[in-house]
Amino acid sequence: MEMANDLSIRSGLEIRDLTKRYRSGALANAAIDLHVERGEVFGLLGPNGAGKTTLVKQLIGLLSPTSGSIHLDGVDLVAFPDQARRLCAYLPQGALPIDALEMTEAIELVGRIRGGSRDDVIRRANSLIEDLEIGEWRHTPGHRLSGGVKRLCGFVMAAVWPSRLLILDEPTNDVDPLRRRLLWREIRRLGDAGTTILLVTHNVLEAEQSVDRLAVIDQGVIKACGTSAELKAPSRDSLRLELHLALGGDAKTRVLDSVPHFVADVATLGHRRHVFVSQEAAAEAIRWAQELSASGAIEEYSLSASSLEDVYLAIIGRSDALDGAAGGESS
């Protein structure tokens, strides 16, 4: 294994001009440039088919890029894909094949495979299990674990032995609110201890609250990158009026047909309408919402500053960007 000779290669994860084109001609990743600092919790946000899974497969050495480079703390992961599998830990989005194993057996097995001694792995596993408050299931077979507990078990399997890069694909799926907070605490501890963390997610709210920086990817291209505040900066003078349509009847028609002149834009999300107005139009917007409520067209409304979700939708340009992941990506 060789370290990078290029002195401009920084510590952490360095991706330069990464492109992946499949034999079919489909372009999955297009000239991606990203740098994730060592110890940073970095979010990769994008809809299904955006190219997130293809990027992750290149990071862990399962796919070779068409062109470009990937370095992790100076190690060339493209030239040495075996090192990618040694230096990176990965929690996939799909179900884990642990049905025949008890929780502690599955965790210990992975820790030993990754090079840990039995005593060290057990010590670390017990600490994580206690911190996540899942000790009551430590001897429960995988097929009897709930989806949320199985997800937490998967996290412990990925984190039980130190790695340079920890990739978490929708880590909080099915996890209850209490343990979700505990999980984010553990993720932050890992980052503070020097592990670089890449969070792959559809959950805009969690990304906004939990990551240091994030990138939005769509159609294989990085559309935006920065802190949540940096991404929201262009819309800081815009307010979002969220309308929850009444079910049935002609509520949708009445809301869309009565959009007043001060509305700058409207986004449709199921039975919700996000209406964007300037701060100067706030009073008029509230009066309009009150009229809609009185007429029965909407059930409730709220007015707030534009969120990262609004910025994300504007960047992606379509409301299906918020759809949850039901399966794998096509690219």
C-alpha atoms as a PDB file:
ATOM      1  CA  MET A   1       0.000   0.000   0.000  1.00  0.00           C
ATOM      2  CA  GLU A   2       1.257   3.482  -0.841  1.00  0.00           C
ATOM      3  CA  MET A   3       0.362   6.852   0.550  1.00  0.00           C
ATOM      4  CA  ALA A   4      -0.523   9.697  -1.765  1.00  0.00           C
ATOM      5  CA  ASN A   5       2.494  11.670  -3.011  1.00  0.00           C
ATOM      6  CA  ASP A   6       0.367  14.710  -3.846  1.00  0.00           C
ATOM      7  CA  LEU A   7       0.847  17.100  -0.914  1.00  0.00           C
ATOM      8  CA  SER A   8      -2.515  18.713  -1.733  1.00  0.00           C
ATOM      9  CA  ILE A   9      -4.320  15.549  -0.624  1.00  0.00           C
ATOM     10  CA  ARG A  10      -5.752  16.422   2.786  1.00  0.00           C
ATOM     11  CA  SER A  11      -6.639  14.224   5.744  1.00  0.00           C
ATOM     12  CA  GLY A  12     -10.142  12.835   5.883  1.00  0.00           C
ATOM     13  CA  LEU A  13     -12.031  11.818   2.749  1.00  0.00           C
ATOM     14  CA  GLU A  14     -10.928  13.480  -0.494  1.00  0.00           C
ATOM     15  CA  ILE A  15     -12.934  12.804  -3.689  1.00  0.00           C
ATOM     16  CA  ARG A  16     -11.773  14.470  -6.893  1.00  0.00           C
ATOM     17  CA  ASP A  17     -13.437  14.522 -10.293  1.00  0.00           C
ATOM     18  CA  LEU A  18     -15.082  11.152  -9.615  1.00  0.00           C
ATOM     19  CA  THR A  19     -17.084   9.838 -12.563  1.00  0.00           C
ATOM     20  CA  LYS A  20     -18.856   6.516 -12.963  1.00  0.00           C
ATOM     21  CA  ARG A  21     -20.442   5.530 -16.271  1.00  0.00           C
ATOM     22  CA  TYR A  22     -21.957   2.065 -16.583  1.00  0.00           C
ATOM     23  CA  ARG A  23     -21.548  -0.148 -19.638  1.00  0.00           C
ATOM     24  CA  SER A  24     -25.116   0.711 -20.601  1.00  0.00           C
ATOM     25  CA  GLY A  25     -23.981   4.309 -21.003  1.00  0.00           C
ATOM     26  CA  ALA A  26     -25.837   5.547 -17.911  1.00  0.00           C
ATOM     27  CA  LEU A  27     -23.907   8.241 -16.067  1.00  0.00           C
ATOM     28  CA  ALA A  28     -24.289   7.552 -12.340  1.00  0.00           C
ATOM     29  CA  ASN A  29     -21.727   9.993 -10.935  1.00  0.00           C
ATOM     30  CA  ALA A  30     -20.431  13.017 -12.845  1.00  0.00           C
ATOM     31  CA  ALA A  31     -17.186  14.772 -11.840  1.00  0.00           C
ATOM     32  CA  ILE A  32     -17.874  14.685  -8.093  1.00  0.00           C
ATOM     33  CA  ASP A  33     -15.586  16.767  -5.885  1.00  0.00           C
ATOM     34  CA  LEU A  34     -15.984  16.454  -2.108  1.00  0.00           C
ATOM     35  CA  HIS A  35     -13.796  16.844   0.939  1.00  0.00           C
ATOM     36  CA  VAL A  36     -14.898  15.559   4.334  1.00  0.00           C
ATOM     37  CA  GLU A  37     -12.668  16.506   7.243  1.00  0.00           C
ATOM     38  CA  ARG A  38     -11.407  13.853   9.625  1.00  0.00           C
ATOM     39  CA  GLY A  39     -13.946  13.590  12.462  1.00  0.00           C
ATOM     40  CA  GLU A  40     -16.640  15.455  10.527  1.00  0.00           C
ATOM     41  CA  VAL A  41     -20.235  14.229  10.353  1.00  0.00           C
ATOM     42  CA  PHE A  42     -21.098  14.878   6.722  1.00  0.00           C
ATOM     43  CA  GLY A  43     -24.522  14.364   5.141  1.00  0.00           C
ATOM     44  CA  LEU A  44     -25.132  13.174   1.589  1.00  0.00           C
ATOM     45  CA  LEU A  45     -28.685  14.128   0.732  1.00  0.00           C
ATOM     46  CA  GLY A  46     -30.584  13.180  -2.404  1.00  0.00           C
ATOM     47  CA  PRO A  47     -33.642  11.398  -3.825  1.00  0.00           C
ATOM     48  CA  ASN A  48     -33.812   7.810  -5.048  1.00  0.00           C
ATOM     49  CA  GLY A  49     -31.663   7.311  -8.120  1.00  0.00           C
ATOM     50  CA  ALA A  50     -29.502  10.358  -7.375  1.00  0.00           C
ATOM     51  CA  GLY A  51     -26.243   8.387  -7.431  1.00  0.00           C
ATOM     52  CA  LYS A  52     -25.683   8.039  -3.681  1.00  0.00           C
ATOM     53  CA  THR A  53     -25.436   4.238  -3.663  1.00  0.00           C
ATOM     54  CA  THR A  54     -23.060   4.200  -6.622  1.00  0.00           C
ATOM     55  CA  LEU A  55     -20.814   6.674  -4.839  1.00  0.00           C
ATOM     56  CA  VAL A  56     -20.823   4.579  -1.651  1.00  0.00           C
ATOM     57  CA  LYS A  57     -19.956   1.403  -3.569  1.00  0.00           C
ATOM     58  CA  GLN A  58     -16.900   3.159  -4.992  1.00  0.00           C
ATOM     59  CA  LEU A  59     -15.861   4.331  -1.532  1.00  0.00           C
ATOM     60  CA  ILE A  60     -15.901   0.795  -0.110  1.00  0.00           C
ATOM     61  CA  GLY A  61     -14.194  -0.788  -3.106  1.00  0.00           C
ATOM     62  CA  LEU A  62     -17.156  -2.636  -4.628  1.00  0.00           C
ATOM     63  CA  LEU A  63     -17.142  -0.538  -7.814  1.00  0.00           C
ATOM     64  CA  SER A  64     -14.290   1.024  -9.748  1.00  0.00           C
ATOM     65  CA  PRO A  65     -14.801   4.580 -10.996  1.00  0.00           C
ATOM     66  CA  THR A  66     -14.526   5.367 -14.676  1.00  0.00           C
ATOM     67  CA  SER A  67     -12.223   8.236 -13.756  1.00  0.00           C
ATOM     68  CA  GLY A  68     -11.246  10.353 -10.779  1.00  0.00           C
ATOM     69  CA  SER A  69      -9.739   9.604  -7.391  1.00  0.00           C
ATOM     70  CA  ILE A  70     -10.706   8.734  -3.804  1.00  0.00           C
ATOM     71  CA  HIS A  71      -8.270   9.160  -0.910  1.00  0.00           C
ATOM     72  CA  LEU A  72      -8.896   8.435   2.756  1.00  0.00           C
ATOM     73  CA  ASP A  73      -6.252   9.945   5.032  1.00  0.00           C
ATOM     74  CA  GLY A  74      -3.860   9.797   2.091  1.00  0.00           C
ATOM     75  CA  VAL A  75      -4.607   6.191   1.094  1.00  0.00           C
ATOM     76  CA  ASP A  76      -5.611   5.751  -2.554  1.00  0.00           C
ATOM     77  CA  LEU A  77      -8.818   3.711  -2.334  1.00  0.00           C
ATOM     78  CA  VAL A  78      -9.146   3.366  -6.098  1.00  0.00           C
ATOM     79  CA  ALA A  79      -5.674   1.860  -6.495  1.00  0.00           C
ATOM     80  CA  PHE A  80      -6.083  -0.245  -3.343  1.00  0.00           C
ATOM     81  CA  PRO A  81      -9.748  -1.329  -3.032  1.00  0.00           C
ATOM     82  CA  ASP A  82      -8.745  -3.944  -0.446  1.00  0.00           C
ATOM     83  CA  GLN A  83      -7.687  -1.071   1.797  1.00  0.00           C
ATOM     84  CA  ALA A  84     -11.089   0.546   1.237  1.00  0.00           C
ATOM     85  CA  ARG A  85     -12.752  -2.536   2.681  1.00  0.00           C
ATOM     86  CA  ARG A  86     -10.306  -2.527   5.616  1.00  0.00           C
ATOM     87  CA  LEU A  87     -10.482   1.172   6.456  1.00  0.00           C
ATOM     88  CA  CYS A  88     -14.232   1.722   5.930  1.00  0.00           C
ATOM     89  CA  ALA A  89     -17.205   0.418   7.901  1.00  0.00           C
ATOM     90  CA  TYR A  90     -20.660   0.444   6.339  1.00  0.00           C
ATOM     91  CA  LEU A  91     -24.216   0.201   7.617  1.00  0.00           C
ATOM     92  CA  PRO A  92     -26.351  -0.513   4.524  1.00  0.00           C
ATOM     93  CA  GLN A  93     -29.948   0.548   4.212  1.00  0.00           C
ATOM     94  CA  GLY A  94     -31.247  -2.962   3.572  1.00  0.00           C
ATOM     95  CA  ALA A  95     -31.936  -5.753   6.043  1.00  0.00           C
ATOM     96  CA  LEU A  96     -28.951  -7.348   7.753  1.00  0.00           C
ATOM     97  CA  PRO A  97     -28.463 -11.141   7.441  1.00  0.00           C
ATOM     98  CA  ILE A  98     -28.428 -11.831  11.185  1.00  0.00           C
ATOM     99  CA  ASP A  99     -31.641 -13.814  11.651  1.00  0.00           C
ATOM    100  CA  ALA A 100     -29.847 -16.952  12.863  1.00  0.00           C
ATOM    101  CA  LEU A 101     -27.555 -15.111  15.304  1.00  0.00           C
ATOM    102  CA  GLU A 102     -28.091 -13.519  18.681  1.00  0.00           C
ATOM    103  CA  MET A 103     -27.375  -9.788  18.773  1.00  0.00           C
ATOM    104  CA  THR A 104     -24.080 -10.189  20.645  1.00  0.00           C
ATOM    105  CA  GLU A 105     -22.995 -13.039  18.351  1.00  0.00           C
ATOM    106  CA  ALA A 106     -23.533 -10.919  15.246  1.00  0.00           C
ATOM    107  CA  ILE A 107     -21.651  -7.960  16.735  1.00  0.00           C
ATOM    108  CA  GLU A 108     -18.736 -10.061  17.961  1.00  0.00           C
ATOM    109  CA  LEU A 109     -18.446 -11.838  14.616  1.00  0.00           C
ATOM    110  CA  VAL A 110     -18.091  -8.577  12.703  1.00  0.00           C
ATOM    111  CA  GLY A 111     -15.657  -7.115  15.231  1.00  0.00           C
ATOM    112  CA  ARG A 112     -13.423 -10.190  15.036  1.00  0.00           C
ATOM    113  CA  ILE A 113     -13.511 -10.189  11.237  1.00  0.00           C
ATOM    114  CA  ARG A 114     -12.408  -6.559  11.292  1.00  0.00           C
ATOM    115  CA  GLY A 115      -9.354  -7.464  13.369  1.00  0.00           C
ATOM    116  CA  GLY A 116     -10.378  -6.933  16.978  1.00  0.00           C
ATOM    117  CA  SER A 117      -9.468  -9.282  19.792  1.00  0.00           C
ATOM    118  CA  ARG A 118     -12.348 -11.105  21.451  1.00  0.00           C
ATOM    119  CA  ASP A 119     -11.969  -9.257  24.754  1.00  0.00           C
ATOM    120  CA  ASP A 120     -11.709  -5.822  23.139  1.00  0.00           C
ATOM    121  CA  VAL A 121     -14.687  -6.438  20.853  1.00  0.00           C
ATOM    122  CA  ILE A 122     -16.864  -7.675  23.724  1.00  0.00           C
ATOM    123  CA  ARG A 123     -15.878  -4.698  25.868  1.00  0.00           C
ATOM    124  CA  ARG A 124     -16.688  -2.225  23.116  1.00  0.00           C
ATOM    125  CA  ALA A 125     -19.930  -4.023  22.185  1.00  0.00           C
ATOM    126  CA  ASN A 126     -21.155  -3.984  25.778  1.00  0.00           C
ATOM    127  CA  SER A 127     -20.439  -0.260  26.045  1.00  0.00           C
ATOM    128  CA  LEU A 128     -22.388   0.565  22.851  1.00  0.00           C
ATOM    129  CA  ILE A 129     -25.277  -1.740  23.780  1.00  0.00           C
ATOM    130  CA  GLU A 130     -25.610  -0.054  27.163  1.00  0.00           C
ATOM    131  CA  ASP A 131     -25.336   3.464  25.746  1.00  0.00           C
ATOM    132  CA  LEU A 132     -28.080   2.721  23.189  1.00  0.00           C
ATOM    133  CA  GLU A 133     -30.235   1.053  25.873  1.00  0.00           C
ATOM    134  CA  ILE A 134     -30.762  -2.184  23.937  1.00  0.00           C
ATOM    135  CA  GLY A 135     -29.283  -4.543  26.538  1.00  0.00           C
ATOM    136  CA  GLU A 136     -32.524  -6.440  27.075  1.00  0.00           C
ATOM    137  CA  TRP A 137     -32.164  -7.896  23.549  1.00  0.00           C
ATOM    138  CA  ARG A 138     -28.466  -8.816  23.677  1.00  0.00           C
ATOM    139  CA  HIS A 139     -29.246 -12.554  23.581  1.00  0.00           C
ATOM    140  CA  THR A 140     -32.273 -12.316  21.282  1.00  0.00           C
ATOM    141  CA  PRO A 141     -31.991 -14.012  17.853  1.00  0.00           C
ATOM    142  CA  GLY A 142     -32.038 -11.610  14.928  1.00  0.00           C
ATOM    143  CA  HIS A 143     -35.317 -12.932  13.532  1.00  0.00           C
ATOM    144  CA  ARG A 144     -37.077 -11.876  16.762  1.00  0.00           C
ATOM    145  CA  LEU A 145     -35.726  -8.322  16.849  1.00  0.00           C
ATOM    146  CA  SER A 146     -37.945  -5.414  15.850  1.00  0.00           C
ATOM    147  CA  GLY A 147     -36.893  -3.336  12.853  1.00  0.00           C
ATOM    148  CA  GLY A 148     -35.638  -0.510  15.042  1.00  0.00           C
ATOM    149  CA  VAL A 149     -33.596  -2.725  17.383  1.00  0.00           C
ATOM    150  CA  LYS A 150     -32.162  -4.600  14.426  1.00  0.00           C
ATOM    151  CA  ARG A 151     -31.144  -1.240  12.959  1.00  0.00           C
ATOM    152  CA  LEU A 152     -29.360  -0.305  16.192  1.00  0.00           C
ATOM    153  CA  CYS A 153     -27.686  -3.704  16.227  1.00  0.00           C
ATOM    154  CA  GLY A 154     -26.437  -2.956  12.712  1.00  0.00           C
ATOM    155  CA  PHE A 155     -24.990   0.333  13.903  1.00  0.00           C
ATOM    156  CA  VAL A 156     -23.130  -1.417  16.719  1.00  0.00           C
ATOM    157  CA  MET A 157     -21.816  -3.969  14.213  1.00  0.00           C
ATOM    158  CA  ALA A 158     -20.459  -1.114  12.080  1.00  0.00           C
ATOM    159  CA  ALA A 159     -19.026   0.853  15.017  1.00  0.00           C
ATOM    160  CA  VAL A 160     -17.743  -1.930  17.282  1.00  0.00           C
ATOM    161  CA  TRP A 161     -14.239  -1.789  15.832  1.00  0.00           C
ATOM    162  CA  PRO A 162     -12.574   1.554  14.912  1.00  0.00           C
ATOM    163  CA  SER A 163     -12.571   2.562  11.248  1.00  0.00           C
ATOM    164  CA  ARG A 164     -11.264   5.613   9.401  1.00  0.00           C
ATOM    165  CA  LEU A 165     -14.574   6.139   7.572  1.00  0.00           C
ATOM    166  CA  LEU A 166     -18.000   5.089   8.827  1.00  0.00           C
ATOM    167  CA  ILE A 167     -20.757   5.173   6.207  1.00  0.00           C
ATOM    168  CA  LEU A 168     -24.307   5.125   7.574  1.00  0.00           C
ATOM    169  CA  ASP A 169     -27.187   4.699   5.122  1.00  0.00           C
ATOM    170  CA  GLU A 170     -30.448   5.854   6.756  1.00  0.00           C
ATOM    171  CA  PRO A 171     -29.258   4.759  10.233  1.00  0.00           C
ATOM    172  CA  THR A 172     -32.390   5.860  12.104  1.00  0.00           C
ATOM    173  CA  ASN A 173     -34.971   4.004   9.996  1.00  0.00           C
ATOM    174  CA  ASP A 174     -37.577   2.401  12.324  1.00  0.00           C
ATOM    175  CA  VAL A 175     -35.725   3.586  15.453  1.00  0.00           C
ATOM    176  CA  ASP A 176     -37.915   5.002  18.233  1.00  0.00           C
ATOM    177  CA  PRO A 177     -37.487   8.697  19.177  1.00  0.00           C
ATOM    178  CA  LEU A 178     -35.633   8.041  22.447  1.00  0.00           C
ATOM    179  CA  ARG A 179     -33.039   5.702  21.010  1.00  0.00           C
ATOM    180  CA  ARG A 180     -32.764   7.901  17.926  1.00  0.00           C
ATOM    181  CA  ARG A 181     -31.356  10.621  20.186  1.00  0.00           C
ATOM    182  CA  LEU A 182     -29.001   8.129  21.799  1.00  0.00           C
ATOM    183  CA  LEU A 183     -27.840   7.009  18.364  1.00  0.00           C
ATOM    184  CA  TRP A 184     -27.042  10.562  17.281  1.00  0.00           C
ATOM    185  CA  ARG A 185     -25.078  11.012  20.513  1.00  0.00           C
ATOM    186  CA  GLU A 186     -22.986   7.953  19.672  1.00  0.00           C
ATOM    187  CA  ILE A 187     -22.424   9.170  16.109  1.00  0.00           C
ATOM    188  CA  ARG A 188     -21.162  12.495  17.448  1.00  0.00           C
ATOM    189  CA  ARG A 189     -18.857  10.698  19.903  1.00  0.00           C
ATOM    190  CA  LEU A 190     -17.351   8.700  17.049  1.00  0.00           C
ATOM    191  CA  GLY A 191     -16.728  11.883  15.097  1.00  0.00           C
ATOM    192  CA  ASP A 192     -15.159  13.580  18.118  1.00  0.00           C
ATOM    193  CA  ALA A 193     -12.879  10.537  18.480  1.00  0.00           C
ATOM    194  CA  GLY A 194     -11.597  11.048  14.916  1.00  0.00           C
ATOM    195  CA  THR A 195     -13.801   8.816  12.756  1.00  0.00           C
ATOM    196  CA  THR A 196     -14.921  10.470   9.525  1.00  0.00           C
ATOM    197  CA  ILE A 197     -18.665   9.856   9.125  1.00  0.00           C
ATOM    198  CA  LEU A 198     -20.687   9.949   5.937  1.00  0.00           C
ATOM    199  CA  LEU A 199     -24.438   9.974   6.530  1.00  0.00           C
ATOM    200  CA  VAL A 200     -26.516   8.968   3.498  1.00  0.00           C
ATOM    201  CA  THR A 201     -30.113  10.044   3.986  1.00  0.00           C
ATOM    202  CA  HIS A 202     -33.469  11.234   2.658  1.00  0.00           C
ATOM    203  CA  ASN A 203     -34.349  12.752   6.024  1.00  0.00           C
ATOM    204  CA  VAL A 204     -33.827  16.485   5.573  1.00  0.00           C
ATOM    205  CA  LEU A 205     -34.818  17.360   9.140  1.00  0.00           C
ATOM    206  CA  GLU A 206     -32.284  14.997  10.689  1.00  0.00           C
ATOM    207  CA  ALA A 207     -29.610  16.165   8.291  1.00  0.00           C
ATOM    208  CA  GLU A 208     -30.251  19.768   9.277  1.00  0.00           C
ATOM    209  CA  GLN A 209     -30.016  19.008  12.988  1.00  0.00           C
ATOM    210  CA  SER A 210     -27.249  16.431  13.072  1.00  0.00           C
ATOM    211  CA  VAL A 211     -24.517  17.022  10.485  1.00  0.00           C
ATOM    212  CA  ASP A 212     -21.669  19.501  10.339  1.00  0.00           C
ATOM    213  CA  ARG A 213     -21.995  19.983   6.575  1.00  0.00           C
ATOM    214  CA  LEU A 214     -23.922  18.336   3.786  1.00  0.00           C
ATOM    215  CA  ALA A 215     -24.012  17.954   0.038  1.00  0.00           C
ATOM    216  CA  VAL A 216     -27.098  17.648  -2.159  1.00  0.00           C
ATOM    217  CA  ILE A 217     -26.711  15.190  -5.016  1.00  0.00           C
ATOM    218  CA  ASP A 218     -29.105  14.617  -7.902  1.00  0.00           C
ATOM    219  CA  GLN A 219     -28.676  12.853 -11.245  1.00  0.00           C
ATOM    220  CA  GLY A 220     -25.095  12.045 -10.274  1.00  0.00           C
ATOM    221  CA  VAL A 221     -24.106  15.690  -9.779  1.00  0.00           C
ATOM    222  CA  ILE A 222     -23.330  17.585  -6.575  1.00  0.00           C
ATOM    223  CA  LYS A 223     -25.823  20.458  -6.714  1.00  0.00           C
ATOM    224  CA  ALA A 224     -24.816  22.241  -3.501  1.00  0.00           C
ATOM    225  CA  CYS A 225     -22.483  21.783  -0.548  1.00  0.00           C
ATOM    226  CA  GLY A 226     -22.021  23.596   2.756  1.00  0.00           C
ATOM    227  CA  THR A 227     -23.430  24.005   6.233  1.00  0.00           C
ATOM    228  CA  SER A 228     -27.184  24.156   6.703  1.00  0.00           C
ATOM    229  CA  ALA A 229     -26.928  27.896   7.326  1.00  0.00           C
ATOM    230  CA  GLU A 230     -24.892  28.425   4.168  1.00  0.00           C
ATOM    231  CA  LEU A 231     -27.398  26.524   2.029  1.00  0.00           C
ATOM    232  CA  LYS A 232     -30.315  28.460   3.511  1.00  0.00           C
ATOM    233  CA  ALA A 233     -28.638  31.866   3.199  1.00  0.00           C
ATOM    234  CA  PRO A 234     -30.123  32.792  -0.223  1.00  0.00           C
ATOM    235  CA  SER A 235     -33.653  32.288   1.152  1.00  0.00           C
ATOM    236  CA  ARG A 236     -33.211  34.010   4.526  1.00  0.00           C
ATOM    237  CA  ASP A 237     -35.688  36.754   3.560  1.00  0.00           C
ATOM    238  CA  SER A 238     -38.358  34.265   2.503  1.00  0.00           C
ATOM    239  CA  LEU A 239     -41.096  32.855   4.739  1.00  0.00           C
ATOM    240  CA  ARG A 240     -42.930  29.559   4.324  1.00  0.00           C
ATOM    241  CA  LEU A 241     -46.663  29.336   4.890  1.00  0.00           C
ATOM    242  CA  GLU A 242     -47.529  25.664   5.307  1.00  0.00           C
ATOM    243  CA  LEU A 243     -51.139  24.775   4.524  1.00  0.00           C
ATOM    244  CA  HIS A 244     -52.623  21.381   5.436  1.00  0.00           C
ATOM    245  CA  LEU A 245     -55.471  20.752   2.998  1.00  0.00           C
ATOM    246  CA  ALA A 246     -58.776  19.431   4.229  1.00  0.00           C
ATOM    247  CA  LEU A 247     -59.412  15.885   3.024  1.00  0.00           C
ATOM    248  CA  GLY A 248     -61.999  15.374   0.332  1.00  0.00           C
ATOM    249  CA  GLY A 249     -64.102  17.958  -1.459  1.00  0.00           C
ATOM    250  CA  ASP A 250     -62.581  20.649  -3.601  1.00  0.00           C
ATOM    251  CA  ALA A 251     -60.000  21.910  -1.080  1.00  0.00           C
ATOM    252  CA  LYS A 252     -57.110  21.497  -3.491  1.00  0.00           C
ATOM    253  CA  THR A 253     -58.888  23.443  -6.219  1.00  0.00           C
ATOM    254  CA  ARG A 254     -59.914  26.240  -3.859  1.00  0.00           C
ATOM    255  CA  VAL A 255     -56.376  26.691  -2.524  1.00  0.00           C
ATOM    256  CA  LEU A 256     -54.692  26.628  -5.906  1.00  0.00           C
ATOM    257  CA  ASP A 257     -57.289  28.848  -7.562  1.00  0.00           C
ATOM    258  CA  SER A 258     -57.099  31.488  -4.851  1.00  0.00           C
ATOM    259  CA  VAL A 259     -53.328  32.055  -4.737  1.00  0.00           C
ATOM    260  CA  PRO A 260     -52.952  35.812  -4.159  1.00  0.00           C
ATOM    261  CA  HIS A 261     -50.506  38.169  -5.841  1.00  0.00           C
ATOM    262  CA  PHE A 262     -48.001  38.255  -2.948  1.00  0.00           C
ATOM    263  CA  VAL A 263     -47.198  34.512  -3.213  1.00  0.00           C
ATOM    264  CA  ALA A 264     -43.751  33.979  -4.745  1.00  0.00           C
ATOM    265  CA  ASP A 265     -43.912  30.196  -5.188  1.00  0.00           C
ATOM    266  CA  VAL A 266     -45.898  27.097  -4.237  1.00  0.00           C
ATOM    267  CA  ALA A 267     -44.622  23.567  -3.587  1.00  0.00           C
ATOM    268  CA  THR A 268     -46.973  20.561  -3.395  1.00  0.00           C
ATOM    269  CA  LEU A 269     -46.207  17.781  -0.903  1.00  0.00           C
ATOM    270  CA  GLY A 270     -49.118  15.361  -0.663  1.00  0.00           C
ATOM    271  CA  HIS A 271     -51.867  17.108   1.291  1.00  0.00           C
ATOM    272  CA  ARG A 272     -49.556  19.982   2.170  1.00  0.00           C
ATOM    273  CA  ARG A 273     -48.903  23.180   0.275  1.00  0.00           C
ATOM    274  CA  HIS A 274     -45.757  25.178   0.990  1.00  0.00           C
ATOM    275  CA  VAL A 275     -46.431  28.761  -0.021  1.00  0.00           C
ATOM    276  CA  PHE A 276     -43.480  31.146  -0.060  1.00  0.00           C
ATOM    277  CA  VAL A 277     -43.896  34.838   0.657  1.00  0.00           C
ATOM    278  CA  SER A 278     -41.659  37.762   1.555  1.00  0.00           C
ATOM    279  CA  GLN A 279     -41.391  38.937   5.146  1.00  0.00           C
ATOM    280  CA  GLU A 280     -43.253  42.108   4.153  1.00  0.00           C
ATOM    281  CA  ALA A 281     -46.254  40.005   3.090  1.00  0.00           C
ATOM    282  CA  ALA A 282     -46.459  38.032   6.351  1.00  0.00           C
ATOM    283  CA  ALA A 283     -49.586  39.761   7.662  1.00  0.00           C
ATOM    284  CA  GLU A 284     -51.411  39.331   4.340  1.00  0.00           C
ATOM    285  CA  ALA A 285     -50.398  35.673   4.211  1.00  0.00           C
ATOM    286  CA  ILE A 286     -51.828  35.016   7.686  1.00  0.00           C
ATOM    287  CA  ARG A 287     -55.119  36.707   6.786  1.00  0.00           C
ATOM    288  CA  TRP A 288     -55.373  34.602   3.623  1.00  0.00           C
ATOM    289  CA  ALA A 289     -54.689  31.409   5.602  1.00  0.00           C
ATOM    290  CA  GLN A 290     -57.342  32.377   8.138  1.00  0.00           C
ATOM    291  CA  GLU A 291     -59.865  32.817   5.326  1.00  0.00           C
ATOM    292  CA  LEU A 292     -58.997  29.402   3.918  1.00  0.00           C
ATOM    293  CA  SER A 293     -59.378  27.864   7.361  1.00  0.00           C
ATOM    294  CA  ALA A 294     -62.744  29.543   7.922  1.00  0.00           C
ATOM    295  CA  SER A 295     -63.982  28.246   4.562  1.00  0.00           C
ATOM    296  CA  GLY A 296     -62.933  24.664   5.384  1.00  0.00           C
ATOM    297  CA  ALA A 297     -60.348  24.459   2.596  1.00  0.00           C
ATOM    298  CA  ILE A 298     -57.506  23.816   5.033  1.00  0.00           C
ATOM    299  CA  GLU A 299     -57.317  22.122   8.422  1.00  0.00           C
ATOM    300  CA  GLU A 300     -54.394  24.105   9.827  1.00  0.00           C
ATOM    301  CA  TYR A 301     -51.541  26.387   8.852  1.00  0.00           C
ATOM    302  CA  SER A 302     -48.209  27.652  10.138  1.00  0.00           C
ATOM    303  CA  LEU A 303     -45.819  30.426   9.149  1.00  0.00           C
ATOM    304  CA  SER A 304     -42.066  30.040   9.626  1.00  0.00           C
ATOM    305  CA  ALA A 305     -38.696  30.832   8.129  1.00  0.00           C
ATOM    306  CA  SER A 306     -37.714  28.805   5.087  1.00  0.00           C
ATOM    307  CA  SER A 307     -36.176  25.476   6.105  1.00  0.00           C
ATOM    308  CA  LEU A 308     -33.491  23.258   4.667  1.00  0.00           C
ATOM    309  CA  GLU A 309     -36.316  21.134   3.255  1.00  0.00           C
ATOM    310  CA  ASP A 310     -37.488  24.133   1.207  1.00  0.00           C
ATOM    311  CA  VAL A 311     -33.969  24.788  -0.034  1.00  0.00           C
ATOM    312  CA  TYR A 312     -33.532  21.101  -0.868  1.00  0.00           C
ATOM    313  CA  LEU A 313     -36.723  21.048  -2.927  1.00  0.00           C
ATOM    314  CA  ALA A 314     -35.653  24.189  -4.750  1.00  0.00           C
ATOM    315  CA  ILE A 315     -32.244  22.677  -5.537  1.00  0.00           C
ATOM    316  CA  ILE A 316     -33.656  19.350  -6.721  1.00  0.00           C
ATOM    317  CA  GLY A 317     -36.603  20.980  -8.452  1.00  0.00           C
ATOM    318  CA  ARG A 318     -39.248  18.382  -7.672  1.00  0.00           C
ATOM    319  CA  SER A 319     -41.317  17.285  -4.675  1.00  0.00           C
ATOM    320  CA  ASP A 320     -40.582  13.539  -5.023  1.00  0.00           C
ATOM    321  CA  ALA A 321     -37.117  14.354  -3.674  1.00  0.00           C
ATOM    322  CA  LEU A 322     -38.610  13.852  -0.218  1.00  0.00           C
ATOM    323  CA  ASP A 323     -39.929  10.367  -0.909  1.00  0.00           C
ATOM    324  CA  GLY A 324     -38.620   7.786   1.553  1.00  0.00           C
ATOM    325  CA  ALA A 325     -36.465   4.968   0.320  1.00  0.00           C
ATOM    326  CA  ALA A 326     -38.456   1.836  -0.290  1.00  0.00           C
ATOM    327  CA  GLY A 327     -35.610  -0.038  -1.886  1.00  0.00           C
ATOM    328  CA  GLY A 328     -32.274   0.346  -3.580  1.00  0.00           C
ATOM    329  CA  GLU A 329     -31.321   3.020  -6.015  1.00  0.00           C
ATOM    330  CA  SER A 330     -31.124   2.556  -9.708  1.00  0.00           C
ATOM    331  CA  SER A 331     -27.767   4.275  -9.792  1.00  0.00           C
END
